[in-house]
Amino acid sequence: MLAKIYQPSPSAMTSGRAKRHWVLEFTGESSGTIDPLTGTKRSTNVRSQLDLKFDTLEAAVAYAKANNIPHQVIQSQSVKRIPRSYADNFAFDRKLPWTH
């Protein structure tokens, strides 16, 4: 079973740049079966429910190697942010007009 190591993207509701953690997530080979009574998906694979969190990429890779887990590291793309202040919305020399 292959595991992927990645940094989850921050929520769209947050603008903070706090330290993000690395996640080791097991990928499942089968999608599971659908329970006929409730209609939910069920699986006998317990590893598909695990998400291990690490502070650094090196710690996640070291854990995978120590436990003989085949893994794949997925690097996240950095976001280019343009610093702006709230007062820029009401600037006199604004390029686009601001209306209600």
PDB file of N, CA and C in Angstrom:
ATOM      1  N   MET A   1       0.846  -1.171   0.000  1.00  0.00           N
ATOM      2  CA  MET A   1       0.000   0.000   0.000  1.00  0.00           C
ATOM      3  C   MET A   1       0.892   1.235   0.000  1.00  0.00           C
ATOM      4  N   LEU A   2       0.671   2.100  -0.946  1.00  0.00           N
ATOM      5  CA  LEU A   2       1.456   3.311  -1.100  1.00  0.00           C
ATOM      6  C   LEU A   2       0.917   4.412  -0.187  1.00  0.00           C
ATOM      7  N   ALA A   3       1.819   5.169   0.379  1.00  0.00           N
ATOM      8  CA  ALA A   3       1.435   6.303   1.217  1.00  0.00           C
ATOM      9  C   ALA A   3       1.907   7.586   0.553  1.00  0.00           C
ATOM     10  N   LYS A   4       1.141   8.642   0.685  1.00  0.00           N
ATOM     11  CA  LYS A   4       1.585   9.932   0.159  1.00  0.00           C
ATOM     12  C   LYS A   4       1.839  10.877   1.328  1.00  0.00           C
ATOM     13  N   ILE A   5       2.890  11.658   1.173  1.00  0.00           N
ATOM     14  CA  ILE A   5       3.286  12.632   2.188  1.00  0.00           C
ATOM     15  C   ILE A   5       3.114  14.009   1.563  1.00  0.00           C
ATOM     16  N   TYR A   6       2.327  14.849   2.193  1.00  0.00           N
ATOM     17  CA  TYR A   6       2.051  16.171   1.636  1.00  0.00           C
ATOM     18  C   TYR A   6       1.704  17.147   2.749  1.00  0.00           C
ATOM     19  N   GLN A   7       1.677  18.427   2.374  1.00  0.00           N
ATOM     20  CA  GLN A   7       1.202  19.476   3.274  1.00  0.00           C
ATOM     21  C   GLN A   7      -0.195  19.868   2.813  1.00  0.00           C
ATOM     22  N   PRO A   8      -1.210  19.715   3.657  1.00  0.00           N
ATOM     23  CA  PRO A   8      -2.551  20.098   3.229  1.00  0.00           C
ATOM     24  C   PRO A   8      -2.646  21.610   3.039  1.00  0.00           C
ATOM     25  N   SER A   9      -3.440  22.001   2.076  1.00  0.00           N
ATOM     26  CA  SER A   9      -3.588  23.431   1.817  1.00  0.00           C
ATOM     27  C   SER A   9      -4.431  24.056   2.926  1.00  0.00           C
ATOM     28  N   PRO A  10      -4.160  25.308   3.260  1.00  0.00           N
ATOM     29  CA  PRO A  10      -4.935  25.950   4.318  1.00  0.00           C
ATOM     30  C   PRO A  10      -6.367  26.214   3.855  1.00  0.00           C
ATOM     31  N   SER A  11      -7.239  26.362   4.795  1.00  0.00           N
ATOM     32  CA  SER A  11      -8.637  26.628   4.490  1.00  0.00           C
ATOM     33  C   SER A  11      -8.772  27.991   3.806  1.00  0.00           C
ATOM     34  N   ALA A  12      -9.766  28.115   2.968  1.00  0.00           N
ATOM     35  CA  ALA A  12     -10.015  29.385   2.298  1.00  0.00           C
ATOM     36  C   ALA A  12     -10.486  30.455   3.271  1.00  0.00           C
ATOM     37  N   MET A  13     -10.922  30.046   4.439  1.00  0.00           N
ATOM     38  CA  MET A  13     -11.422  30.986   5.432  1.00  0.00           C
ATOM     39  C   MET A  13     -10.319  31.573   6.306  1.00  0.00           C
ATOM     40  N   THR A  14      -9.092  31.124   6.131  1.00  0.00           N
ATOM     41  CA  THR A  14      -7.995  31.633   6.943  1.00  0.00           C
ATOM     42  C   THR A  14      -7.011  32.384   6.072  1.00  0.00           C
ATOM     43  N   SER A  15      -6.392  33.375   6.630  1.00  0.00           N
ATOM     44  CA  SER A  15      -5.370  34.118   5.898  1.00  0.00           C
ATOM     45  C   SER A  15      -4.025  34.013   6.605  1.00  0.00           C
ATOM     46  N   GLY A  16      -3.975  33.277   7.685  1.00  0.00           N
ATOM     47  CA  GLY A  16      -2.740  33.151   8.452  1.00  0.00           C
ATOM     48  C   GLY A  16      -1.701  32.308   7.740  1.00  0.00           C
ATOM     49  N   ARG A  17      -0.474  32.504   8.121  1.00  0.00           N
ATOM     50  CA  ARG A  17       0.626  31.750   7.542  1.00  0.00           C
ATOM     51  C   ARG A  17       1.351  30.970   8.632  1.00  0.00           C
ATOM     52  N   ALA A  18       0.594  30.392   9.510  1.00  0.00           N
ATOM     53  CA  ALA A  18       1.180  29.642  10.618  1.00  0.00           C
ATOM     54  C   ALA A  18       1.908  28.411  10.087  1.00  0.00           C
ATOM     55  N   LYS A  19       2.695  27.832  10.959  1.00  0.00           N
ATOM     56  CA  LYS A  19       3.456  26.649  10.587  1.00  0.00           C
ATOM     57  C   LYS A  19       2.489  25.522  10.229  1.00  0.00           C
ATOM     58  N   ARG A  20       2.641  24.997   9.022  1.00  0.00           N
ATOM     59  CA  ARG A  20       1.782  23.909   8.574  1.00  0.00           C
ATOM     60  C   ARG A  20       2.470  22.578   8.802  1.00  0.00           C
ATOM     61  N   HIS A  21       1.712  21.570   9.057  1.00  0.00           N
ATOM     62  CA  HIS A  21       2.246  20.250   9.330  1.00  0.00           C
ATOM     63  C   HIS A  21       2.245  19.397   8.058  1.00  0.00           C
ATOM     64  N   TRP A  22       2.960  18.285   8.102  1.00  0.00           N
ATOM     65  CA  TRP A  22       3.020  17.322   7.012  1.00  0.00           C
ATOM     66  C   TRP A  22       2.147  16.132   7.380  1.00  0.00           C
ATOM     67  N   VAL A  23       1.475  15.568   6.406  1.00  0.00           N
ATOM     68  CA  VAL A  23       0.557  14.463   6.627  1.00  0.00           C
ATOM     69  C   VAL A  23       1.031  13.248   5.837  1.00  0.00           C
ATOM     70  N   LEU A  24       1.058  12.089   6.497  1.00  0.00           N
ATOM     71  CA  LEU A  24       1.300  10.818   5.832  1.00  0.00           C
ATOM     72  C   LEU A  24      -0.047  10.123   5.741  1.00  0.00           C
ATOM     73  N   GLU A  25      -0.521   9.945   4.519  1.00  0.00           N
ATOM     74  CA  GLU A  25      -1.848   9.392   4.290  1.00  0.00           C
ATOM     75  C   GLU A  25      -1.729   8.146   3.426  1.00  0.00           C
ATOM     76  N   PHE A  26      -2.358   7.075   3.841  1.00  0.00           N
ATOM     77  CA  PHE A  26      -2.346   5.839   3.074  1.00  0.00           C
ATOM     78  C   PHE A  26      -3.408   5.909   1.987  1.00  0.00           C
ATOM     79  N   THR A  27      -3.039   5.529   0.778  1.00  0.00           N
ATOM     80  CA  THR A  27      -3.997   5.496  -0.326  1.00  0.00           C
ATOM     81  C   THR A  27      -4.546   4.089  -0.426  1.00  0.00           C
ATOM     82  N   GLY A  28      -5.827   3.980  -0.639  1.00  0.00           N
ATOM     83  CA  GLY A  28      -6.471   2.675  -0.698  1.00  0.00           C
ATOM     84  C   GLY A  28      -6.503   2.135  -2.117  1.00  0.00           C
ATOM     85  N   GLU A  29      -6.327   0.823  -2.249  1.00  0.00           N
ATOM     86  CA  GLU A  29      -6.406   0.195  -3.565  1.00  0.00           C
ATOM     87  C   GLU A  29      -7.851   0.046  -4.023  1.00  0.00           C
ATOM     88  N   SER A  30      -8.736  -0.285  -3.100  1.00  0.00           N
ATOM     89  CA  SER A  30     -10.129  -0.481  -3.462  1.00  0.00           C
ATOM     90  C   SER A  30     -10.977   0.638  -2.881  1.00  0.00           C
ATOM     91  N   SER A  31     -12.074   0.907  -3.551  1.00  0.00           N
ATOM     92  CA  SER A  31     -12.935   1.987  -3.084  1.00  0.00           C
ATOM     93  C   SER A  31     -13.892   1.524  -2.001  1.00  0.00           C
ATOM     94  N   GLY A  32     -13.956   0.213  -1.749  1.00  0.00           N
ATOM     95  CA  GLY A  32     -14.845  -0.296  -0.714  1.00  0.00           C
ATOM     96  C   GLY A  32     -16.188  -0.696  -1.294  1.00  0.00           C
ATOM     97  N   THR A  33     -17.062  -1.127  -0.446  1.00  0.00           N
ATOM     98  CA  THR A  33     -18.396  -1.528  -0.876  1.00  0.00           C
ATOM     99  C   THR A  33     -19.425  -0.588  -0.274  1.00  0.00           C
ATOM    100  N   ILE A  34     -20.575  -0.535  -0.899  1.00  0.00           N
ATOM    101  CA  ILE A  34     -21.645   0.331  -0.410  1.00  0.00           C
ATOM    102  C   ILE A  34     -22.598  -0.514   0.434  1.00  0.00           C
ATOM    103  N   ASP A  35     -22.865  -0.045   1.622  1.00  0.00           N
ATOM    104  CA  ASP A  35     -23.762  -0.733   2.542  1.00  0.00           C
ATOM    105  C   ASP A  35     -25.190  -0.606   2.005  1.00  0.00           C
ATOM    106  N   PRO A  36     -25.886  -1.719   1.771  1.00  0.00           N
ATOM    107  CA  PRO A  36     -27.230  -1.620   1.193  1.00  0.00           C
ATOM    108  C   PRO A  36     -28.268  -1.010   2.145  1.00  0.00           C
ATOM    109  N   LEU A  37     -28.033  -1.087   3.431  1.00  0.00           N
ATOM    110  CA  LEU A  37     -29.014  -0.570   4.381  1.00  0.00           C
ATOM    111  C   LEU A  37     -28.927   0.954   4.507  1.00  0.00           C
ATOM    112  N   THR A  38     -27.705   1.478   4.694  1.00  0.00           N
ATOM    113  CA  THR A  38     -27.548   2.913   4.921  1.00  0.00           C
ATOM    114  C   THR A  38     -27.091   3.675   3.689  1.00  0.00           C
ATOM    115  N   GLY A  39     -26.516   2.982   2.715  1.00  0.00           N
ATOM    116  CA  GLY A  39     -26.035   3.650   1.511  1.00  0.00           C
ATOM    117  C   GLY A  39     -24.668   4.281   1.677  1.00  0.00           C
ATOM    118  N   THR A  40     -24.014   4.058   2.812  1.00  0.00           N
ATOM    119  CA  THR A  40     -22.681   4.610   3.034  1.00  0.00           C
ATOM    120  C   THR A  40     -21.624   3.625   2.564  1.00  0.00           C
ATOM    121  N   LYS A  41     -20.448   4.145   2.317  1.00  0.00           N
ATOM    122  CA  LYS A  41     -19.354   3.314   1.863  1.00  0.00           C
ATOM    123  C   LYS A  41     -18.643   2.711   3.064  1.00  0.00           C
ATOM    124  N   ARG A  42     -18.327   1.423   2.987  1.00  0.00           N
ATOM    125  CA  ARG A  42     -17.603   0.782   4.071  1.00  0.00           C
ATOM    126  C   ARG A  42     -16.417   0.032   3.496  1.00  0.00           C
ATOM    127  N   SER A  43     -15.439  -0.155   4.333  1.00  0.00           N
ATOM    128  CA  SER A  43     -14.214  -0.813   3.917  1.00  0.00           C
ATOM    129  C   SER A  43     -13.635  -1.582   5.088  1.00  0.00           C
ATOM    130  N   THR A  44     -12.914  -2.643   4.785  1.00  0.00           N
ATOM    131  CA  THR A  44     -12.239  -3.400   5.828  1.00  0.00           C
ATOM    132  C   THR A  44     -10.806  -2.936   6.008  1.00  0.00           C
ATOM    133  N   ASN A  45     -10.373  -2.000   5.205  1.00  0.00           N
ATOM    134  CA  ASN A  45      -9.009  -1.486   5.267  1.00  0.00           C
ATOM    135  C   ASN A  45      -8.947  -0.367   6.302  1.00  0.00           C
ATOM    136  N   VAL A  46      -8.342  -0.633   7.447  1.00  0.00           N
ATOM    137  CA  VAL A  46      -8.268   0.352   8.522  1.00  0.00           C
ATOM    138  C   VAL A  46      -7.260   1.448   8.192  1.00  0.00           C
ATOM    139  N   ARG A  47      -6.224   1.123   7.434  1.00  0.00           N
ATOM    140  CA  ARG A  47      -5.199   2.123   7.121  1.00  0.00           C
ATOM    141  C   ARG A  47      -5.739   3.295   6.302  1.00  0.00           C
ATOM    142  N   SER A  48      -6.804   3.081   5.559  1.00  0.00           N
ATOM    143  CA  SER A  48      -7.360   4.187   4.777  1.00  0.00           C
ATOM    144  C   SER A  48      -7.961   5.263   5.668  1.00  0.00           C
ATOM    145  N   GLN A  49      -8.184   4.947   6.947  1.00  0.00           N
ATOM    146  CA  GLN A  49      -8.745   5.917   7.880  1.00  0.00           C
ATOM    147  C   GLN A  49      -7.677   6.698   8.632  1.00  0.00           C
ATOM    148  N   LEU A  50      -6.408   6.324   8.460  1.00  0.00           N
ATOM    149  CA  LEU A  50      -5.326   6.954   9.207  1.00  0.00           C
ATOM    150  C   LEU A  50      -4.742   8.147   8.477  1.00  0.00           C
ATOM    151  N   ASP A  51      -4.479   9.200   9.212  1.00  0.00           N
ATOM    152  CA  ASP A  51      -3.722  10.356   8.748  1.00  0.00           C
ATOM    153  C   ASP A  51      -2.722  10.687   9.849  1.00  0.00           C
ATOM    154  N   LEU A  52      -1.462  10.426   9.597  1.00  0.00           N
ATOM    155  CA  LEU A  52      -0.434  10.707  10.594  1.00  0.00           C
ATOM    156  C   LEU A  52       0.136  12.083  10.327  1.00  0.00           C
ATOM    157  N   LYS A  53       0.246  12.914  11.361  1.00  0.00           N
ATOM    158  CA  LYS A  53       0.732  14.282  11.219  1.00  0.00           C
ATOM    159  C   LYS A  53       2.133  14.400  11.793  1.00  0.00           C
ATOM    160  N   PHE A  54       3.006  15.119  11.068  1.00  0.00           N
ATOM    161  CA  PHE A  54       4.384  15.330  11.470  1.00  0.00           C
ATOM    162  C   PHE A  54       4.719  16.814  11.358  1.00  0.00           C
ATOM    163  N   ASP A  55       5.690  17.249  12.160  1.00  0.00           N
ATOM    164  CA  ASP A  55       6.100  18.649  12.118  1.00  0.00           C
ATOM    165  C   ASP A  55       6.957  18.961  10.899  1.00  0.00           C
ATOM    166  N   THR A  56       7.780  18.002  10.475  1.00  0.00           N
ATOM    167  CA  THR A  56       8.690  18.248   9.353  1.00  0.00           C
ATOM    168  C   THR A  56       8.557  17.138   8.315  1.00  0.00           C
ATOM    169  N   LEU A  57       8.996  17.442   7.119  1.00  0.00           N
ATOM    170  CA  LEU A  57       9.015  16.460   6.046  1.00  0.00           C
ATOM    171  C   LEU A  57       9.986  15.337   6.363  1.00  0.00           C
ATOM    172  N   GLU A  58      11.122  15.686   6.955  1.00  0.00           N
ATOM    173  CA  GLU A  58      12.139  14.683   7.276  1.00  0.00           C
ATOM    174  C   GLU A  58      11.606  13.655   8.277  1.00  0.00           C
ATOM    175  N   ALA A  59      10.806  14.107   9.238  1.00  0.00           N
ATOM    176  CA  ALA A  59      10.235  13.193  10.226  1.00  0.00           C
ATOM    177  C   ALA A  59       9.243  12.231   9.572  1.00  0.00           C
ATOM    178  N   ALA A  60       8.461  12.729   8.632  1.00  0.00           N
ATOM    179  CA  ALA A  60       7.491  11.883   7.946  1.00  0.00           C
ATOM    180  C   ALA A  60       8.188  10.837   7.078  1.00  0.00           C
ATOM    181  N   VAL A  61       9.228  11.246   6.368  1.00  0.00           N
ATOM    182  CA  VAL A  61       9.976  10.313   5.521  1.00  0.00           C
ATOM    183  C   VAL A  61      10.712   9.290   6.383  1.00  0.00           C
ATOM    184  N   ALA A  62      11.278   9.730   7.500  1.00  0.00           N
ATOM    185  CA  ALA A  62      11.981   8.812   8.394  1.00  0.00           C
ATOM    186  C   ALA A  62      11.021   7.768   8.968  1.00  0.00           C
ATOM    187  N   TYR A  63       9.804   8.174   9.310  1.00  0.00           N
ATOM    188  CA  TYR A  63       8.812   7.228   9.816  1.00  0.00           C
ATOM    189  C   TYR A  63       8.444   6.198   8.750  1.00  0.00           C
ATOM    190  N   ALA A  64       8.246   6.678   7.512  1.00  0.00           N
ATOM    191  CA  ALA A  64       7.887   5.765   6.429  1.00  0.00           C
ATOM    192  C   ALA A  64       9.015   4.768   6.161  1.00  0.00           C
ATOM    193  N   LYS A  65      10.252   5.239   6.181  1.00  0.00           N
ATOM    194  CA  LYS A  65      11.384   4.340   5.936  1.00  0.00           C
ATOM    195  C   LYS A  65      11.580   3.366   7.094  1.00  0.00           C
ATOM    196  N   ALA A  66      11.386   3.814   8.327  1.00  0.00           N
ATOM    197  CA  ALA A  66      11.574   2.946   9.490  1.00  0.00           C
ATOM    198  C   ALA A  66      10.543   1.822   9.527  1.00  0.00           C
ATOM    199  N   ASN A  67       9.352   2.075   8.998  1.00  0.00           N
ATOM    200  CA  ASN A  67       8.290   1.073   9.001  1.00  0.00           C
ATOM    201  C   ASN A  67       8.102   0.401   7.640  1.00  0.00           C
ATOM    202  N   ASN A  68       9.056   0.583   6.739  1.00  0.00           N
ATOM    203  CA  ASN A  68       9.035  -0.035   5.404  1.00  0.00           C
ATOM    204  C   ASN A  68       7.740   0.259   4.646  1.00  0.00           C
ATOM    205  N   ILE A  69       7.344   1.505   4.663  1.00  0.00           N
ATOM    206  CA  ILE A  69       6.140   1.938   3.957  1.00  0.00           C
ATOM    207  C   ILE A  69       6.572   2.614   2.658  1.00  0.00           C
ATOM    208  N   PRO A  70       6.175   2.082   1.503  1.00  0.00           N
ATOM    209  CA  PRO A  70       6.493   2.779   0.257  1.00  0.00           C
ATOM    210  C   PRO A  70       5.731   4.107   0.225  1.00  0.00           C
ATOM    211  N   HIS A  71       6.432   5.180  -0.091  1.00  0.00           N
ATOM    212  CA  HIS A  71       5.820   6.506   0.005  1.00  0.00           C
ATOM    213  C   HIS A  71       6.171   7.356  -1.200  1.00  0.00           C
ATOM    214  N   GLN A  72       5.400   8.407  -1.362  1.00  0.00           N
ATOM    215  CA  GLN A  72       5.597   9.393  -2.422  1.00  0.00           C
ATOM    216  C   GLN A  72       5.407  10.770  -1.790  1.00  0.00           C
ATOM    217  N   VAL A  73       6.388  11.649  -2.000  1.00  0.00           N
ATOM    218  CA  VAL A  73       6.323  13.003  -1.448  1.00  0.00           C
ATOM    219  C   VAL A  73       5.731  13.924  -2.505  1.00  0.00           C
ATOM    220  N   ILE A  74       4.707  14.648  -2.130  1.00  0.00           N
ATOM    221  CA  ILE A  74       4.058  15.607  -3.020  1.00  0.00           C
ATOM    222  C   ILE A  74       4.346  16.998  -2.482  1.00  0.00           C
ATOM    223  N   GLN A  75       5.117  17.773  -3.225  1.00  0.00           N
ATOM    224  CA  GLN A  75       5.473  19.132  -2.818  1.00  0.00           C
ATOM    225  C   GLN A  75       4.333  20.080  -3.174  1.00  0.00           C
ATOM    226  N   SER A  76       3.994  20.960  -2.266  1.00  0.00           N
ATOM    227  CA  SER A  76       2.942  21.941  -2.523  1.00  0.00           C
ATOM    228  C   SER A  76       3.549  23.184  -3.169  1.00  0.00           C
ATOM    229  N   GLN A  77       2.735  23.842  -3.961  1.00  0.00           N
ATOM    230  CA  GLN A  77       3.178  25.060  -4.614  1.00  0.00           C
ATOM    231  C   GLN A  77       3.026  26.233  -3.657  1.00  0.00           C
ATOM    232  N   SER A  78       3.991  27.121  -3.688  1.00  0.00           N
ATOM    233  CA  SER A  78       3.906  28.291  -2.825  1.00  0.00           C
ATOM    234  C   SER A  78       2.940  29.314  -3.428  1.00  0.00           C
ATOM    235  N   VAL A  79       2.249  30.005  -2.561  1.00  0.00           N
ATOM    236  CA  VAL A  79       1.272  30.995  -2.988  1.00  0.00           C
ATOM    237  C   VAL A  79       1.921  32.365  -2.970  1.00  0.00           C
ATOM    238  N   LYS A  80       1.811  33.066  -4.081  1.00  0.00           N
ATOM    239  CA  LYS A  80       2.355  34.426  -4.148  1.00  0.00           C
ATOM    240  C   LYS A  80       1.275  35.376  -3.636  1.00  0.00           C
ATOM    241  N   ARG A  81       1.571  36.035  -2.540  1.00  0.00           N
ATOM    242  CA  ARG A  81       0.610  36.954  -1.940  1.00  0.00           C
ATOM    243  C   ARG A  81       1.026  38.392  -2.223  1.00  0.00           C
ATOM    244  N   ILE A  82       0.042  39.209  -2.503  1.00  0.00           N
ATOM    245  CA  ILE A  82       0.271  40.631  -2.705  1.00  0.00           C
ATOM    246  C   ILE A  82      -0.166  41.343  -1.430  1.00  0.00           C
ATOM    247  N   PRO A  83       0.777  41.956  -0.709  1.00  0.00           N
ATOM    248  CA  PRO A  83       0.389  42.612   0.545  1.00  0.00           C
ATOM    249  C   PRO A  83      -0.447  43.867   0.273  1.00  0.00           C
ATOM    250  N   ARG A  84      -1.585  43.932   0.904  1.00  0.00           N
ATOM    251  CA  ARG A  84      -2.468  45.086   0.756  1.00  0.00           C
ATOM    252  C   ARG A  84      -3.047  45.422   2.117  1.00  0.00           C
ATOM    253  N   SER A  85      -3.412  46.659   2.261  1.00  0.00           N
ATOM    254  CA  SER A  85      -4.071  47.065   3.495  1.00  0.00           C
ATOM    255  C   SER A  85      -5.530  47.408   3.184  1.00  0.00           C
ATOM    256  N   TYR A  86      -6.306  47.498   4.209  1.00  0.00           N
ATOM    257  CA  TYR A  86      -7.719  47.813   4.034  1.00  0.00           C
ATOM    258  C   TYR A  86      -7.892  49.227   3.467  1.00  0.00           C
ATOM    259  N   ALA A  87      -6.981  50.120   3.813  1.00  0.00           N
ATOM    260  CA  ALA A  87      -7.077  51.503   3.330  1.00  0.00           C
ATOM    261  C   ALA A  87      -6.883  51.597   1.820  1.00  0.00           C
ATOM    262  N   ASP A  88      -6.233  50.589   1.213  1.00  0.00           N
ATOM    263  CA  ASP A  88      -6.050  50.611  -0.242  1.00  0.00           C
ATOM    264  C   ASP A  88      -7.373  50.508  -0.991  1.00  0.00           C
ATOM    265  N   ASN A  89      -8.411  49.996  -0.360  1.00  0.00           N
ATOM    266  CA  ASN A  89      -9.725  49.918  -1.007  1.00  0.00           C
ATOM    267  C   ASN A  89     -10.310  51.302  -1.272  1.00  0.00           C
ATOM    268  N   PHE A  90      -9.904  52.296  -0.492  1.00  0.00           N
ATOM    269  CA  PHE A  90     -10.468  53.639  -0.604  1.00  0.00           C
ATOM    270  C   PHE A  90      -9.439  54.655  -1.094  1.00  0.00           C
ATOM    271  N   ALA A  91      -8.378  54.205  -1.725  1.00  0.00           N
ATOM    272  CA  ALA A  91      -7.326  55.109  -2.190  1.00  0.00           C
ATOM    273  C   ALA A  91      -7.850  55.998  -3.311  1.00  0.00           C
ATOM    274  N   PHE A  92      -7.342  57.232  -3.359  1.00  0.00           N
ATOM    275  CA  PHE A  92      -7.773  58.196  -4.367  1.00  0.00           C
ATOM    276  C   PHE A  92      -7.305  57.773  -5.757  1.00  0.00           C
ATOM    277  N   ASP A  93      -6.105  57.219  -5.852  1.00  0.00           N
ATOM    278  CA  ASP A  93      -5.544  56.850  -7.155  1.00  0.00           C
ATOM    279  C   ASP A  93      -5.787  55.370  -7.493  1.00  0.00           C
ATOM    280  N   ARG A  94      -6.902  54.855  -7.048  1.00  0.00           N
ATOM    281  CA  ARG A  94      -7.249  53.452  -7.320  1.00  0.00           C
ATOM    282  C   ARG A  94      -7.499  53.274  -8.811  1.00  0.00           C
ATOM    283  N   LYS A  95      -7.003  52.147  -9.374  1.00  0.00           N
ATOM    284  CA  LYS A  95      -7.118  51.929 -10.808  1.00  0.00           C
ATOM    285  C   LYS A  95      -8.550  51.610 -11.237  1.00  0.00           C
ATOM    286  N   LEU A  96      -9.257  50.836 -10.417  1.00  0.00           N
ATOM    287  CA  LEU A  96     -10.654  50.511 -10.739  1.00  0.00           C
ATOM    288  C   LEU A  96     -11.543  51.223  -9.725  1.00  0.00           C
ATOM    289  N   PRO A  97     -12.681  51.758 -10.171  1.00  0.00           N
ATOM    290  CA  PRO A  97     -13.554  52.447  -9.217  1.00  0.00           C
ATOM    291  C   PRO A  97     -14.167  51.469  -8.222  1.00  0.00           C
ATOM    292  N   TRP A  98     -14.329  51.951  -6.997  1.00  0.00           N
ATOM    293  CA  TRP A  98     -14.930  51.131  -5.959  1.00  0.00           C
ATOM    294  C   TRP A  98     -16.340  51.633  -5.739  1.00  0.00           C
ATOM    295  N   THR A  99     -17.299  50.740  -5.946  1.00  0.00           N
ATOM    296  CA  THR A  99     -18.703  51.120  -5.760  1.00  0.00           C
ATOM    297  C   THR A  99     -19.383  50.089  -4.907  1.00  0.00           C
ATOM    298  N   HIS A 100     -20.551  50.416  -4.445  1.00  0.00           N
ATOM    299  CA  HIS A 100     -21.334  49.463  -3.643  1.00  0.00           C
ATOM    300  C   HIS A 100     -22.066  48.544  -4.554  1.00  0.00           C
TER     301      HIS A 100
END
